[in-house]
Amino acid sequence: MSEELPEDPLSAENLRRAMKAFKKRLKLTRLDDESGLGHGSVDKSRGSGIVAIRPPDAYPAQVWDKLVEMGRLRRAGGGLFELQEIQHTN
């Protein structure tokens, strides 16, 4: 049995996986909100208003701090984060 060294939490691969997990959780949270449970039938056509979530606990806080520093995420307050919108220049 080989002993694995702990992976660097700030490695490029780990940051990529953390962003993927964040986006997946955000998508699922929005889909849950849009599912219609608890909303009247008139509200069915509106999209989710959820823009910020609590990041997955599987990654340490330093990972989310690094992603904020890199401009990938933005703090929304109360321990919530949101995707940083990318500004496109034409």
N, C-alpha and C. Protein backbone atom coordinates (compact mmCIF):
# COMPACT_ATOMS: atom_id res chain seq x y z
N MET A 1 0.85 -1.17 0.00
CA MET A 1 0.00 0.00 0.00
C MET A 1 0.90 1.23 0.00
N SER A 2 0.73 2.12 -0.97
CA SER A 2 1.55 3.32 -1.03
C SER A 2 0.85 4.47 -0.32
N GLU A 3 1.64 5.30 0.32
CA GLU A 3 1.09 6.44 1.05
C GLU A 3 1.09 7.65 0.13
N GLU A 4 -0.09 8.27 -0.04
CA GLU A 4 -0.19 9.43 -0.92
C GLU A 4 0.15 10.70 -0.16
N LEU A 5 0.89 11.57 -0.79
CA LEU A 5 1.17 12.86 -0.21
C LEU A 5 -0.06 13.74 -0.39
N PRO A 6 -0.35 14.58 0.58
CA PRO A 6 -1.51 15.45 0.42
C PRO A 6 -1.31 16.39 -0.77
N GLU A 7 -2.34 16.54 -1.57
CA GLU A 7 -2.27 17.39 -2.75
C GLU A 7 -2.26 18.85 -2.32
N ASP A 8 -1.50 19.67 -3.04
CA ASP A 8 -1.48 21.11 -2.79
C ASP A 8 -2.87 21.67 -3.09
N PRO A 9 -3.55 22.24 -2.09
CA PRO A 9 -4.91 22.74 -2.34
C PRO A 9 -4.96 23.88 -3.35
N LEU A 10 -3.83 24.56 -3.56
CA LEU A 10 -3.81 25.68 -4.50
C LEU A 10 -3.21 25.31 -5.85
N SER A 11 -3.08 24.02 -6.11
CA SER A 11 -2.57 23.59 -7.42
C SER A 11 -3.58 23.96 -8.50
N ALA A 12 -3.10 24.13 -9.70
CA ALA A 12 -3.96 24.51 -10.82
C ALA A 12 -5.09 23.49 -11.00
N GLU A 13 -4.76 22.21 -10.87
CA GLU A 13 -5.76 21.16 -11.04
C GLU A 13 -6.83 21.24 -9.95
N ASN A 14 -6.42 21.47 -8.72
CA ASN A 14 -7.37 21.54 -7.61
C ASN A 14 -8.26 22.79 -7.75
N LEU A 15 -7.69 23.90 -8.18
CA LEU A 15 -8.48 25.11 -8.40
C LEU A 15 -9.49 24.90 -9.52
N ARG A 16 -9.08 24.18 -10.56
CA ARG A 16 -9.99 23.87 -11.67
C ARG A 16 -11.16 23.02 -11.17
N ARG A 17 -10.84 22.01 -10.37
CA ARG A 17 -11.90 21.13 -9.84
C ARG A 17 -12.83 21.90 -8.90
N ALA A 18 -12.27 22.81 -8.11
CA ALA A 18 -13.09 23.61 -7.19
C ALA A 18 -14.06 24.49 -7.98
N MET A 19 -13.58 25.11 -9.07
CA MET A 19 -14.46 25.94 -9.89
C MET A 19 -15.56 25.11 -10.53
N LYS A 20 -15.20 23.92 -10.98
CA LYS A 20 -16.20 23.02 -11.58
C LYS A 20 -17.26 22.66 -10.54
N ALA A 21 -16.83 22.34 -9.33
CA ALA A 21 -17.77 21.99 -8.25
C ALA A 21 -18.65 23.19 -7.90
N PHE A 22 -18.06 24.38 -7.87
CA PHE A 22 -18.83 25.59 -7.56
C PHE A 22 -19.91 25.83 -8.61
N LYS A 23 -19.52 25.76 -9.88
CA LYS A 23 -20.47 25.98 -10.97
C LYS A 23 -21.60 24.95 -10.95
N LYS A 24 -21.25 23.70 -10.65
CA LYS A 24 -22.27 22.64 -10.60
C LYS A 24 -23.25 22.91 -9.46
N ARG A 25 -22.72 23.29 -8.29
CA ARG A 25 -23.61 23.59 -7.16
C ARG A 25 -24.49 24.78 -7.48
N LEU A 26 -23.94 25.82 -8.10
CA LEU A 26 -24.73 26.99 -8.46
C LEU A 26 -25.84 26.61 -9.44
N LYS A 27 -25.50 25.80 -10.44
CA LYS A 27 -26.49 25.36 -11.43
C LYS A 27 -27.60 24.56 -10.76
N LEU A 28 -27.24 23.62 -9.89
CA LEU A 28 -28.26 22.80 -9.22
C LEU A 28 -29.12 23.64 -8.28
N THR A 29 -28.51 24.61 -7.62
CA THR A 29 -29.27 25.49 -6.73
C THR A 29 -30.28 26.31 -7.53
N ARG A 30 -29.84 26.81 -8.68
CA ARG A 30 -30.75 27.58 -9.54
C ARG A 30 -31.87 26.71 -10.09
N LEU A 31 -31.54 25.50 -10.52
CA LEU A 31 -32.57 24.59 -11.04
C LEU A 31 -33.59 24.26 -9.96
N ASP A 32 -33.13 24.05 -8.74
CA ASP A 32 -34.02 23.77 -7.63
C ASP A 32 -34.95 24.95 -7.39
N ASP A 33 -34.40 26.15 -7.45
CA ASP A 33 -35.20 27.36 -7.25
C ASP A 33 -36.24 27.52 -8.36
N GLU A 34 -35.86 27.17 -9.59
CA GLU A 34 -36.76 27.32 -10.73
C GLU A 34 -37.77 26.18 -10.86
N SER A 35 -37.63 25.14 -10.05
CA SER A 35 -38.46 23.95 -10.21
C SER A 35 -39.94 24.21 -9.97
N GLY A 36 -40.25 25.34 -9.38
CA GLY A 36 -41.65 25.66 -9.18
C GLY A 36 -42.16 25.30 -7.80
N LEU A 37 -41.39 24.57 -7.04
CA LEU A 37 -41.83 24.23 -5.70
C LEU A 37 -41.86 25.49 -4.85
N GLY A 38 -43.03 25.78 -4.30
CA GLY A 38 -43.16 26.97 -3.47
C GLY A 38 -43.45 28.24 -4.25
N HIS A 39 -43.57 28.16 -5.55
CA HIS A 39 -43.88 29.32 -6.38
C HIS A 39 -45.28 29.17 -6.94
N GLY A 40 -45.95 30.28 -7.13
CA GLY A 40 -47.25 30.25 -7.77
C GLY A 40 -47.10 29.98 -9.26
N SER A 41 -48.18 29.58 -9.91
CA SER A 41 -48.12 29.26 -11.33
C SER A 41 -47.78 30.48 -12.18
N VAL A 42 -48.05 31.67 -11.69
CA VAL A 42 -47.74 32.89 -12.43
C VAL A 42 -46.23 33.09 -12.51
N ASP A 43 -45.50 32.62 -11.51
CA ASP A 43 -44.05 32.82 -11.44
C ASP A 43 -43.25 31.81 -12.24
N LYS A 44 -43.89 30.86 -12.89
CA LYS A 44 -43.19 29.78 -13.60
C LYS A 44 -42.25 30.29 -14.69
N SER A 45 -42.59 31.41 -15.32
CA SER A 45 -41.79 31.88 -16.44
C SER A 45 -40.53 32.62 -16.00
N ARG A 46 -40.45 33.00 -14.76
CA ARG A 46 -39.27 33.75 -14.33
C ARG A 46 -38.10 32.81 -14.07
N GLY A 47 -36.90 33.31 -14.27
CA GLY A 47 -35.70 32.53 -13.97
C GLY A 47 -35.37 32.65 -12.50
N SER A 48 -34.37 31.95 -12.09
CA SER A 48 -33.93 32.01 -10.71
C SER A 48 -33.23 33.34 -10.45
N GLY A 49 -33.44 33.86 -9.26
CA GLY A 49 -32.76 35.09 -8.86
C GLY A 49 -31.49 34.81 -8.08
N ILE A 50 -31.12 33.54 -7.97
CA ILE A 50 -29.95 33.16 -7.19
C ILE A 50 -28.69 33.47 -7.98
N VAL A 51 -27.82 34.29 -7.38
CA VAL A 51 -26.57 34.63 -8.02
C VAL A 51 -25.37 34.24 -7.17
N ALA A 52 -25.59 34.01 -5.87
CA ALA A 52 -24.49 33.67 -4.97
C ALA A 52 -24.86 32.46 -4.13
N ILE A 53 -23.85 31.65 -3.83
CA ILE A 53 -24.04 30.44 -3.01
C ILE A 53 -22.88 30.28 -2.04
N ARG A 54 -23.08 29.40 -1.07
CA ARG A 54 -21.99 29.00 -0.20
C ARG A 54 -21.20 27.94 -0.95
N PRO A 55 -19.88 28.09 -1.04
CA PRO A 55 -19.08 27.14 -1.83
C PRO A 55 -19.04 25.76 -1.19
N PRO A 56 -18.77 24.73 -1.98
CA PRO A 56 -18.70 23.37 -1.45
C PRO A 56 -17.66 23.23 -0.33
N ASP A 57 -18.04 22.51 0.72
CA ASP A 57 -17.17 22.31 1.89
C ASP A 57 -15.99 21.40 1.59
N ALA A 58 -16.00 20.71 0.47
CA ALA A 58 -14.93 19.77 0.14
C ALA A 58 -13.59 20.47 -0.08
N TYR A 59 -13.62 21.78 -0.27
CA TYR A 59 -12.41 22.55 -0.52
C TYR A 59 -12.22 23.56 0.61
N PRO A 60 -10.96 23.76 1.04
CA PRO A 60 -10.71 24.70 2.14
C PRO A 60 -10.92 26.15 1.72
N ALA A 61 -11.07 27.01 2.71
CA ALA A 61 -11.32 28.44 2.47
C ALA A 61 -10.22 29.07 1.62
N GLN A 62 -8.98 28.60 1.77
CA GLN A 62 -7.89 29.20 0.99
C GLN A 62 -8.07 29.02 -0.50
N VAL A 63 -8.77 27.95 -0.91
CA VAL A 63 -9.05 27.74 -2.33
C VAL A 63 -9.99 28.83 -2.84
N TRP A 64 -11.05 29.12 -2.08
CA TRP A 64 -12.02 30.13 -2.50
C TRP A 64 -11.38 31.52 -2.46
N ASP A 65 -10.51 31.76 -1.46
CA ASP A 65 -9.79 33.04 -1.40
C ASP A 65 -8.91 33.22 -2.64
N LYS A 66 -8.23 32.15 -3.04
CA LYS A 66 -7.35 32.21 -4.22
C LYS A 66 -8.16 32.48 -5.48
N LEU A 67 -9.33 31.85 -5.60
CA LEU A 67 -10.17 32.06 -6.78
C LEU A 67 -10.71 33.49 -6.83
N VAL A 68 -10.93 34.10 -5.66
CA VAL A 68 -11.32 35.52 -5.61
C VAL A 68 -10.14 36.37 -6.07
N GLU A 69 -8.95 36.05 -5.54
CA GLU A 69 -7.74 36.78 -5.92
C GLU A 69 -7.47 36.70 -7.43
N MET A 70 -7.78 35.54 -8.01
CA MET A 70 -7.58 35.33 -9.45
C MET A 70 -8.66 36.00 -10.30
N GLY A 71 -9.73 36.49 -9.66
CA GLY A 71 -10.80 37.14 -10.39
C GLY A 71 -11.85 36.19 -10.94
N ARG A 72 -11.84 34.95 -10.49
CA ARG A 72 -12.82 33.96 -10.97
C ARG A 72 -14.13 34.04 -10.19
N LEU A 73 -14.03 34.39 -8.89
CA LEU A 73 -15.19 34.52 -8.03
C LEU A 73 -15.16 35.88 -7.36
N ARG A 74 -16.31 36.25 -6.80
CA ARG A 74 -16.43 37.50 -6.05
C ARG A 74 -17.17 37.21 -4.75
N ARG A 75 -16.73 37.82 -3.67
CA ARG A 75 -17.42 37.66 -2.39
C ARG A 75 -18.75 38.41 -2.45
N ALA A 76 -19.80 37.76 -1.95
CA ALA A 76 -21.12 38.38 -1.94
C ALA A 76 -21.58 38.71 -0.53
N GLY A 77 -20.74 38.42 0.47
CA GLY A 77 -21.09 38.68 1.87
C GLY A 77 -21.77 37.49 2.50
N GLY A 78 -21.63 37.39 3.80
CA GLY A 78 -22.28 36.31 4.54
C GLY A 78 -21.75 34.93 4.20
N GLY A 79 -20.50 34.84 3.74
CA GLY A 79 -19.92 33.55 3.38
C GLY A 79 -20.34 33.05 2.01
N LEU A 80 -21.02 33.90 1.25
CA LEU A 80 -21.47 33.52 -0.09
C LEU A 80 -20.51 34.06 -1.14
N PHE A 81 -20.43 33.35 -2.25
CA PHE A 81 -19.60 33.76 -3.38
C PHE A 81 -20.45 33.72 -4.64
N GLU A 82 -20.07 34.52 -5.63
CA GLU A 82 -20.74 34.50 -6.93
C GLU A 82 -19.69 34.48 -8.02
N LEU A 83 -20.10 34.02 -9.19
CA LEU A 83 -19.19 34.01 -10.33
C LEU A 83 -18.86 35.43 -10.73
N GLN A 84 -17.61 35.67 -11.03
CA GLN A 84 -17.18 36.97 -11.52
C GLN A 84 -17.52 37.03 -12.99
N GLU A 85 -18.26 38.03 -13.41
CA GLU A 85 -18.60 38.16 -14.82
C GLU A 85 -17.38 38.61 -15.58
N ILE A 86 -17.16 37.97 -16.70
CA ILE A 86 -16.01 38.28 -17.55
C ILE A 86 -16.41 39.42 -18.48
N GLN A 87 -15.62 40.47 -18.48
CA GLN A 87 -15.86 41.61 -19.35
C GLN A 87 -15.22 41.35 -20.71
N HIS A 88 -16.04 41.31 -21.74
CA HIS A 88 -15.53 41.09 -23.10
C HIS A 88 -15.36 42.45 -23.78
N THR A 89 -14.23 42.64 -24.40
CA THR A 89 -14.01 43.87 -25.15
C THR A 89 -14.04 43.56 -26.64
N ASN A 90 -14.70 44.39 -27.39
CA ASN A 90 -14.81 44.17 -28.84
C ASN A 90 -13.88 45.08 -29.58
